[in-house]
Structures are given as C-alpha cells and as structure tokens.
Protein backbone atom coordinates (compact mmCIF):
# COMPACT_ATOMS: atom_id res chain seq x y z
CA MET A 1 4.65 6.39 9.49
CA ALA A 2 2.94 5.34 13.13
CA ARG A 3 0.76 8.05 14.76
CA GLN A 4 2.27 9.24 17.84
CA SER A 5 0.38 10.84 20.73
CA PRO A 6 1.49 14.52 21.63
CA GLN A 7 3.98 14.34 24.49
CA ARG A 8 3.20 16.38 27.86
CA PRO A 9 5.58 18.83 28.98
CA ASP A 10 7.83 17.68 31.93
CA ALA A 11 6.58 19.24 35.02
CA ASP A 12 9.16 21.12 36.03
CA GLU A 13 9.26 22.90 32.62
CA PRO A 14 7.44 26.28 32.31
CA GLU A 15 4.22 26.70 30.36
CA LEU A 16 4.01 28.76 27.52
CA ASP A 17 1.71 31.47 27.02
CA ASP A 18 -0.32 32.21 23.95
CA THR A 19 2.26 34.57 22.44
CA THR A 20 5.36 32.67 23.31
CA ALA A 21 3.51 29.90 22.12
CA SER A 22 2.63 31.41 18.59
CA ALA A 23 6.20 32.86 18.27
CA ALA A 24 7.56 29.20 18.69
CA ALA A 25 5.37 28.02 16.05
CA ASP A 26 6.41 30.62 13.72
CA GLU A 27 10.26 29.56 14.36
CA VAL A 28 9.22 26.06 13.98
CA ASP A 29 7.84 26.81 10.48
CA VAL A 30 10.98 29.25 9.60
CA ASP A 31 13.16 26.29 10.29
CA ARG A 32 11.06 23.92 8.52
CA PRO A 33 9.67 25.44 4.92
CA ALA A 34 7.44 23.26 3.25
CA ALA A 35 8.76 21.37 0.41
CA ASP A 36 8.75 22.43 -2.87
CA ARG A 37 5.99 20.45 -5.15
CA ALA A 38 7.34 22.22 -8.64
CA LEU A 39 9.83 19.42 -9.33
CA TRP A 40 7.28 16.51 -8.56
CA ASP A 41 4.42 18.17 -10.35
CA GLU A 42 6.95 18.71 -13.32
CA LEU A 43 8.00 15.70 -13.84
CA ARG A 44 5.06 13.24 -12.41
CA ILE A 45 6.80 11.36 -10.23
CA ASP A 46 6.24 11.32 -6.53
CA PRO A 47 7.95 10.45 -3.25
CA VAL A 48 6.29 7.91 -1.28
CA GLU A 49 6.55 6.70 2.53
CA ILE A 50 5.40 3.05 3.55
CA ALA A 51 5.73 1.67 6.64
CA LEU A 52 6.47 -1.97 7.42
CA PRO A 53 6.70 -4.32 10.43
CA ALA A 54 10.41 -4.27 9.54
CA GLY A 55 10.50 -0.60 9.51
CA THR A 56 9.80 2.79 7.44
CA GLY A 57 10.96 3.59 3.99
CA LEU A 58 10.85 6.07 1.15
CA THR A 59 10.51 5.23 -2.30
CA LEU A 60 9.02 6.82 -5.67
CA ARG A 61 6.04 5.90 -7.77
CA ALA A 62 4.75 7.25 -10.87
CA TYR A 63 1.76 6.56 -13.15
CA ARG A 64 1.96 6.19 -16.80
CA PRO A 65 0.27 4.62 -19.77
CA ALA A 66 0.41 0.92 -19.86
CA ARG A 67 1.78 0.92 -23.29
CA GLU A 68 4.78 3.28 -21.97
CA LEU A 69 5.71 0.74 -19.64
CA THR A 70 8.05 -2.16 -19.77
CA PRO A 71 7.06 -4.42 -16.79
CA THR A 72 9.12 -5.35 -13.75
CA ASP A 73 11.42 -8.51 -14.46
CA VAL A 74 10.26 -11.04 -11.53
CA ALA A 75 12.31 -13.92 -13.27
CA GLU A 76 15.29 -13.45 -10.92
CA ARG A 77 13.16 -13.08 -7.93
CA ASP A 78 10.92 -15.86 -8.41
CA GLU A 79 13.76 -18.10 -9.33
CA ASP A 80 15.62 -17.34 -6.24
CA ASP A 81 12.32 -17.97 -4.20
CA PRO A 82 10.04 -20.50 -6.32
CA PHE A 83 7.56 -20.62 -2.91
CA LEU A 84 7.47 -16.65 -3.04
CA ALA A 85 3.97 -16.58 -3.67
CA ARG A 86 3.22 -18.47 -0.61
CA ARG A 87 5.71 -16.81 1.74
CA GLN A 88 5.61 -14.11 4.38
CA VAL A 89 8.47 -12.60 6.13
CA LEU A 90 8.18 -14.08 9.89
CA THR A 91 10.77 -14.72 12.74
CA ALA A 92 9.95 -18.17 13.41
CA ALA A 93 11.92 -21.07 11.97
CA ASP A 94 8.88 -22.74 10.39
CA GLU A 95 7.89 -19.37 8.40
CA ASP A 96 6.88 -21.10 5.23
CA GLU A 97 4.63 -23.49 6.76
CA GLU A 98 3.05 -20.76 8.93
CA VAL A 99 2.17 -18.65 5.72
CA VAL A 100 0.69 -21.48 4.12
CA ILE A 101 -1.79 -22.02 6.98
CA LEU A 102 -2.42 -18.42 6.95
CA ASP A 103 -3.57 -18.46 3.45
CA GLU A 104 -5.51 -21.74 3.91
CA GLU A 105 -7.22 -20.39 6.78
CA PHE A 106 -7.89 -16.80 5.13
CA ALA A 107 -9.59 -19.22 2.23
CA ALA A 108 -11.68 -21.05 4.45
CA LEU A 109 -12.81 -18.19 6.14
CA SER A 110 -13.75 -16.57 3.10
CA GLU A 111 -16.09 -19.41 1.80
CA ASP A 112 -17.77 -19.47 5.26
CA GLU A 113 -18.52 -15.85 4.75
CA ASP A 114 -19.80 -16.42 1.08
CA GLU A 115 -22.15 -18.87 2.62
CA GLU A 116 -23.79 -16.72 4.77
CA ARG A 117 -24.49 -14.11 2.37
CA PRO A 118 -28.19 -13.86 1.09
CA GLU A 119 -28.80 -16.11 -1.74
CA GLY A 120 -28.64 -13.22 -4.26
CA ARG A 121 -24.82 -12.42 -3.33
CA ARG A 122 -23.40 -16.08 -3.25
CA ARG A 123 -21.06 -16.77 -5.95
CA GLY A 124 -21.92 -20.44 -7.73
CA ALA A 125 -19.35 -22.01 -9.95
CA ALA A 126 -21.33 -20.95 -13.00
CA ASP A 127 -21.09 -17.36 -11.94
CA ALA A 128 -17.85 -17.34 -11.08
CA ALA A 129 -16.78 -18.82 -14.43
CA ASP A 130 -18.83 -15.99 -16.26
CA GLU A 131 -17.20 -13.71 -13.94
CA THR A 132 -13.62 -14.84 -14.76
CA ALA A 133 -14.30 -14.61 -18.67
CA GLU A 134 -15.52 -11.49 -18.18
CA ASP A 135 -12.75 -10.46 -16.45
CA GLU A 136 -10.72 -11.79 -18.99
CA ASP A 137 -12.55 -10.24 -21.59
CA GLU A 138 -11.87 -6.81 -19.83
CA ALA A 139 -8.24 -7.46 -19.35
CA GLU A 140 -7.71 -8.17 -22.84
CA ALA A 141 -9.48 -4.86 -24.02
CA GLU A 142 -7.45 -2.78 -21.37
CA GLU A 143 -4.45 -4.15 -22.65
CA ALA A 144 -5.12 -3.85 -26.20
CA ALA A 145 -6.16 0.14 -25.57
CA GLY A 146 -2.98 0.82 -23.41
CA ASP A 147 -4.08 3.94 -22.76
CA GLU A 148 -5.10 3.10 -18.88
CA GLU A 149 -2.43 4.45 -16.50
CA VAL A 150 -0.76 1.90 -14.06
CA PRO A 151 1.73 2.43 -11.39
CA VAL A 152 5.36 1.99 -11.53
CA PHE A 153 7.74 2.21 -8.42
CA LEU A 154 11.27 2.82 -8.01
CA SER A 155 11.88 -0.96 -8.21
CA HIS A 156 14.56 -3.62 -9.93
CA ARG A 157 13.94 -7.31 -10.75
CA GLY A 158 10.66 -7.61 -8.81
CA ARG A 159 11.92 -5.93 -5.74
CA LEU A 160 10.52 -2.64 -4.36
CA LEU A 161 13.44 -0.62 -3.16
CA LEU A 162 12.90 0.82 0.29
CA PHE A 163 15.43 3.54 1.99
CA LYS A 164 15.65 4.78 5.31
CA THR A 165 16.57 8.49 4.58
CA PRO A 166 16.21 11.06 2.17
CA GLU A 167 20.36 11.26 1.44
CA SER A 168 20.11 7.64 0.88
CA LEU A 169 17.07 7.84 -1.67
CA VAL A 170 19.00 10.74 -3.57
CA SER A 171 22.41 8.98 -3.66
CA PHE A 172 20.60 6.08 -5.02
CA ILE A 173 18.61 8.07 -7.85
CA ARG A 174 22.03 9.77 -8.84
CA SER A 175 24.22 6.92 -8.97
CA GLY A 176 22.88 5.70 -12.30
CA ALA A 177 21.90 2.20 -10.89
CA PRO A 178 19.26 0.27 -13.07
CA ASN A 179 15.95 0.60 -11.83
CA ASP A 180 12.18 0.40 -13.39
CA LEU A 181 11.81 4.08 -13.16
CA SER A 182 14.74 4.98 -15.22
CA GLN A 183 12.63 3.98 -18.49
CA LEU A 184 10.57 7.40 -17.79
CA ASP A 185 11.57 10.29 -19.98
CA SER A 186 11.86 12.45 -16.76
CA TRP A 187 14.22 10.32 -15.16
CA ASN A 188 17.25 11.72 -16.04
CA GLU A 189 16.27 15.14 -15.27
CA LEU A 190 15.18 14.11 -12.11
CA SER A 191 18.36 12.54 -11.20
CA GLU A 192 20.14 15.77 -11.98
CA ARG A 193 17.68 18.11 -9.99
CA VAL A 194 16.68 16.30 -6.68
CA GLU A 195 17.72 17.31 -3.42
CA PRO A 196 17.25 15.49 -0.17
CA ALA A 197 14.86 18.33 0.86
CA ASP A 198 12.78 17.58 -1.96
CA ILE A 199 12.11 14.08 -0.37
CA ALA A 200 9.03 15.08 1.59
CA PRO A 201 5.88 12.56 1.16
CA LEU A 202 2.40 14.47 1.17
CA ASP A 203 0.31 12.94 3.74
CA GLU A 204 -1.69 11.06 0.95
CA ASP A 205 1.57 9.43 -0.18
CA THR A 206 2.40 8.03 3.55
CA TYR A 207 1.09 4.74 4.00
CA GLU A 208 1.18 2.44 7.36
CA LEU A 209 0.60 -0.87 6.52
CA ASP A 210 2.26 -1.81 9.89
CA LEU A 211 -0.58 -0.73 11.33
CA VAL A 212 -3.22 -2.49 9.55
CA VAL A 213 -3.58 -5.88 11.22
CA GLU A 214 -3.32 -4.45 14.67
CA ASN A 215 -6.33 -2.05 14.05
CA LEU A 216 -8.45 -4.55 12.32
CA ARG A 217 -8.09 -6.93 15.26
CA GLY A 218 -9.69 -4.27 17.73
CA GLY A 219 -13.01 -5.16 16.12
CA HIS A 220 -15.48 -2.96 14.21
CA ASP A 221 -15.68 -0.24 16.56
CA THR A 222 -12.07 0.55 16.34
CA TRP A 223 -11.44 0.38 12.58
CA ASP A 224 -9.80 3.37 11.06
CA PRO A 225 -11.51 3.91 7.59
CA THR A 226 -8.48 6.01 6.20
CA LEU A 227 -5.85 3.76 7.45
CA LEU A 228 -7.24 0.68 5.88
CA ILE A 229 -8.66 2.41 2.68
CA GLU A 230 -5.08 3.83 1.84
CA ALA A 231 -3.46 0.70 2.65
CA GLY A 232 -5.64 -1.13 -0.17
CA GLU A 233 -4.85 1.51 -2.41
CA VAL A 234 -0.86 1.02 -2.22
CA ALA A 235 -1.15 -2.65 -1.64
CA ARG A 236 -2.92 -2.73 -5.20
CA ASP A 237 -0.46 -0.48 -6.51
CA VAL A 238 2.43 -2.72 -5.37
CA ALA A 239 0.97 -5.93 -6.57
CA TYR A 240 0.55 -4.53 -10.04
CA ALA A 241 3.73 -2.79 -10.12
CA LEU A 242 5.65 -5.59 -8.58
CA ARG A 243 3.64 -8.36 -10.33
CA ILE A 244 2.33 -10.14 -6.89
CA PRO A 245 -1.13 -12.23 -8.52
CA ALA A 246 -1.70 -13.37 -5.18
CA VAL A 247 -2.69 -9.95 -3.35
CA LEU A 248 -4.30 -8.65 -6.22
CA ASP A 249 -6.54 -11.82 -6.37
CA MET A 250 -7.07 -10.94 -2.45
CA LEU A 251 -8.00 -7.49 -2.92
CA SER A 252 -9.98 -8.47 -6.47
CA ALA A 253 -13.50 -7.62 -7.09
CA GLY A 254 -16.13 -9.49 -4.92
CA SER A 255 -13.31 -10.78 -2.42
CA SER A 256 -14.00 -10.31 1.52
CA LEU A 257 -11.49 -7.93 1.62
CA ASP A 258 -12.67 -5.92 -1.41
CA ASP A 259 -16.04 -5.78 0.17
CA LEU A 260 -14.67 -4.19 3.43
CA ASP A 261 -13.21 -1.91 1.29
CA GLU A 262 -16.47 -0.81 -0.26
CA ALA A 263 -18.04 -0.64 3.03
CA LEU A 264 -15.18 1.78 4.78
CA ARG A 265 -15.59 3.79 1.64
CA ALA A 266 -19.44 4.00 1.95
CA THR A 267 -18.93 5.12 5.66
CA VAL A 268 -16.78 8.24 5.03
CA LYS A 269 -19.14 9.41 2.35
CA GLY A 270 -22.24 10.44 5.03
CA GLY A 271 -25.64 10.09 4.16
CA ILE A 272 -27.68 6.77 3.84
CA GLY A 273 -24.59 5.60 2.29
CA ALA A 274 -22.70 5.68 5.39
CA PHE A 275 -25.57 4.05 7.31
CA MET A 276 -25.32 1.07 4.69
CA GLY A 277 -22.06 1.01 5.19
CA ARG A 278 -21.90 0.36 8.75
CA ARG A 279 -24.16 -2.33 8.50
CA ARG A 280 -22.24 -4.16 5.78
CA LEU A 281 -18.93 -3.67 8.34
CA LYS A 282 -21.04 -5.69 10.82
CA LYS A 283 -21.18 -8.72 8.85
CA ILE A 284 -17.57 -8.60 7.81
CA GLY A 285 -15.49 -11.25 10.10
CA ALA A 286 -12.69 -9.18 11.87
CA GLN A 287 -10.79 -12.35 12.16
CA THR A 288 -10.85 -13.06 8.12
CA ALA A 289 -9.88 -9.22 7.73
CA SER A 290 -6.99 -9.31 9.98
CA LEU A 291 -5.86 -12.76 8.67
CA GLY A 292 -6.10 -11.63 4.90
CA TRP A 293 -4.35 -8.21 5.48
CA ARG A 294 -1.69 -10.10 7.77
CA THR A 295 -0.72 -12.22 4.58
CA ILE A 296 -0.92 -9.16 2.36
CA VAL A 297 1.63 -7.43 4.26
CA GLY A 298 3.58 -10.50 4.51
CA LYS A 299 3.83 -10.96 0.76
CA ILE A 300 4.39 -7.28 0.23
CA SER A 301 7.49 -7.25 2.98
CA ALA A 302 8.64 -10.50 0.73
CA VAL A 303 9.70 -8.56 -2.13
CA VAL A 304 11.22 -5.28 -0.44
CA ASP A 305 15.06 -4.72 -1.06
CA TRP A 306 15.94 -2.42 2.23
CA ARG A 307 19.32 -0.45 0.48
CA ASP A 308 19.85 1.15 4.14
C-alpha cells in the first residue's frame, strides 16, 4: 500500500499534550491489537499484500520444496491470450502495440548499456552461449535435486488471485474453490481456522509495485533501495510461481535490472561496498530501468484475477 504523509491537525482542533497523546496512543493499541502470527508460523503460509496500478490486493504465499509442488497450469491462460508474454495492461486502445514497443525499446537500451560496459564485462555471443549452457546445467541439477524451496501463491490456472478485503479472502479460502495452494498439506487446517483478523501481512510481505516506475523516473538521487529491492523479490516470486518467463529473463543474472538490484543491495550494506554500489548505480540508465519495470508491472498485472 502506498506510503502516505501524516495529516496535519486542523487549525481549530486543540493540540494534544504529551499525556493526552500517550493515552490516545494506548487506546489505539487496545483497539487494534497486533495480529497473532502463530497460525501462519505453524502452517508455513503467509498473507501478502501487493499494490498494483489497478489497486491493492491481498493474497497468500508459501515456500515449499519444488518436488512437493505441481506447477500452476497456464494452458488455459495462454490459450485465452496467445500474446500474453507481450502484453501489458493499458487503457489505450493500441495496448498490444505499445507493449511490443516497450519490450523492443528496453532490449535496445539494454544492448546500448552493454556496449558501454568495460571490455571485461561485455557479453559476447560465445560468452552468452556458455552462460546459457551453464544455466541449463544448473537448472537440471536443481530440478533433479528437487529440494530447493520455491514460491507458490494463491493462484489458479496461471492467474494470481487478489482480494480487496480480508473478509473476501477468508471467504474464498473457506469456500473449497480450486486453487494452487490447496495441494499443501496444511491447507485444510488453514481453511478451518483462519479468520479475517488473521489477514495482516508483515511489512516485509507488503509490496508497492505501483510506486516503482515513478520512483525510477525521479532519477538516481531519489531511488528508494528498499522499495526497489522488495519489488524485485516479489516480481521474481510471482514470475516463477505463475510461469512468466519474460519477467524471469528481464530479472535474470547479468541483466541490467539485476545489475540495478545488486547495486542497490550494496548501498544498503554500508562500508566500502555502499560506495561502490552508488558508483555502479550512476552507470545504470534511469530510462532503461523505468522502462523495464513498467513492462514487468504490466506483465504481472496481466495475470491478476481480481476477485472483488
């Protein structure tokens, strides 16, 4: 949910002294008790809040070993929209044409930045082929092991289910409607025990994808590391769980957006690493970053199923 500035009191309202303010704060604490995390910790499922340009919604996410999960079925989704990988939710009549332009512009800008890198960091065709082969070998090894924990969301047939209120989310959970989380051994217990008051995502499970593009457009000095790092984390999770390869590619190791993520992480660690991270950020084009993230947010928005 978007951050909001605190409201100033009206001029004709009396200001509270320290004692009164403290009492008011205590009263708020009594009226709004902290949500009990015992249920979520026990069942290893978490409520998540995601803000998108179309609105803010609640859903659920869990992490389980890959071998225990059946991936969401995207056949119907892709059949309904064969151009889903090149779409973005826009209000313009020529939305498909615009997102194709966005993808091509992002690719061109990324290539330009790649050419500007020092010789040691340029990726030639042979290097790219070697990296691709290595990535495929690693992917096969991970798949064979099957013990890596991967994300799974409250989704169905390749679409992320988002709910505007805790009540509507709980109603769906209790309904017995088919979804990808129902394969978890803890799902039935959740459906029996969950209450609307339990739907209270932690700060680290609250993501503001609606603010990312605007923040990047503001230029290097205004970039919010926490906002952008968390956006990258949830975008990777959604792209993996909902099987959106285009987003995974845009955020893959060696991409310009991955460079942005690594540089931002370096800046928040402090020390000499933070200094080097800030230097790396200066070399990342704001236009490339904002255009890439605009496309990512659009692709994620395209697979959302609003249930309210």
